[in-house]
Amino acid sequence: MSVLKLSALKGLFKDVVSDQVSYVNAPLLAEERGIGVELVTDPYCESFRNVTVDRDDERKGSGFRSRAP
């Protein structure tokens, strides 16, 4: 799992669960809750050199997407 995915999950859960969230247990917390993470990259971005967008995509079910070119 990439650093971006781990960071996104850790940030997602830090204020939601009562246990301490780490980079180690964040994927386990996601799995227990049925949350999937998808990293989508795009080599072309007209306005920015680096862009990261995190979003919840409810249309595909319970999911969290991280997007970075």
Protein backbone atom coordinates (compact mmCIF):
# COMPACT_ATOMS: atom_id res chain seq x y z
CA MET A 1 0.00 0.00 0.00
CA SER A 2 1.38 3.40 -0.95
CA VAL A 3 2.16 6.24 1.43
CA LEU A 4 -0.66 8.31 -0.09
CA LYS A 5 -3.23 5.59 0.58
CA LEU A 6 -1.99 5.08 4.15
CA SER A 7 -2.03 8.81 4.84
CA ALA A 8 -5.53 9.18 3.42
CA LEU A 9 -6.85 6.33 5.58
CA LYS A 10 -5.11 7.58 8.71
CA GLY A 11 -6.55 11.05 8.18
CA LEU A 12 -10.00 9.62 7.50
CA PHE A 13 -10.11 7.66 10.75
CA LYS A 14 -8.22 9.96 13.14
CA ASP A 15 -11.34 11.77 14.42
CA VAL A 16 -13.80 8.94 13.80
CA VAL A 17 -12.59 5.98 15.86
CA SER A 18 -11.83 5.92 19.58
CA ASP A 19 -8.65 3.85 19.22
CA GLN A 20 -5.36 5.42 18.19
CA VAL A 21 -4.97 5.30 14.40
CA SER A 22 -1.57 4.45 12.94
CA TYR A 23 -0.23 3.71 9.49
CA VAL A 24 -0.20 0.05 10.52
CA ASN A 25 -3.81 -0.30 11.69
CA ALA A 26 -5.48 2.16 9.26
CA PRO A 27 -5.81 -0.46 6.48
CA LEU A 28 -7.28 -2.91 8.99
CA LEU A 29 -9.83 -0.34 10.15
CA ALA A 30 -10.81 0.27 6.53
CA GLU A 31 -11.15 -3.44 5.83
CA GLU A 32 -13.32 -3.94 8.93
CA ARG A 33 -15.63 -1.17 7.73
CA GLY A 34 -15.73 -2.27 4.10
CA ILE A 35 -13.89 0.83 2.88
CA GLY A 36 -11.78 0.50 -0.24
CA VAL A 37 -9.02 2.84 -1.36
CA GLU A 38 -8.13 3.51 -4.95
CA LEU A 39 -5.14 5.54 -6.08
CA VAL A 40 -5.64 7.10 -9.50
CA THR A 41 -2.75 8.85 -11.22
CA ASP A 42 -2.81 11.15 -14.21
CA PRO A 43 0.48 12.26 -15.78
CA TYR A 44 -1.06 15.44 -17.18
CA CYS A 45 -2.38 18.33 -15.10
CA GLU A 46 -2.68 21.66 -16.85
CA SER A 47 -2.80 23.97 -13.82
CA PHE A 48 -0.67 22.30 -11.15
CA ARG A 49 2.53 20.31 -10.91
CA ASN A 50 1.19 18.10 -8.07
CA VAL A 51 -2.44 17.69 -7.03
CA THR A 52 -3.93 15.42 -4.38
CA VAL A 53 -7.68 15.11 -3.92
CA ASP A 54 -9.33 12.89 -1.32
CA ARG A 55 -13.02 12.18 -1.62
CA ASP A 56 -15.73 9.81 -0.52
CA ASP A 57 -17.35 8.22 -3.54
CA GLU A 58 -20.73 7.00 -2.28
CA ARG A 59 -21.96 6.16 -5.78
CA LYS A 60 -19.68 3.13 -5.76
CA GLY A 61 -20.59 2.10 -2.22
CA SER A 62 -18.63 2.80 0.90
CA GLY A 63 -15.35 4.00 -0.48
CA PHE A 64 -12.63 6.56 -0.16
CA ARG A 65 -10.63 7.63 -3.16
CA SER A 66 -7.29 9.39 -3.25
CA ARG A 67 -6.30 11.00 -6.51
CA ALA A 68 -2.82 12.22 -7.34
CA PRO A 69 -1.16 12.91 -10.69
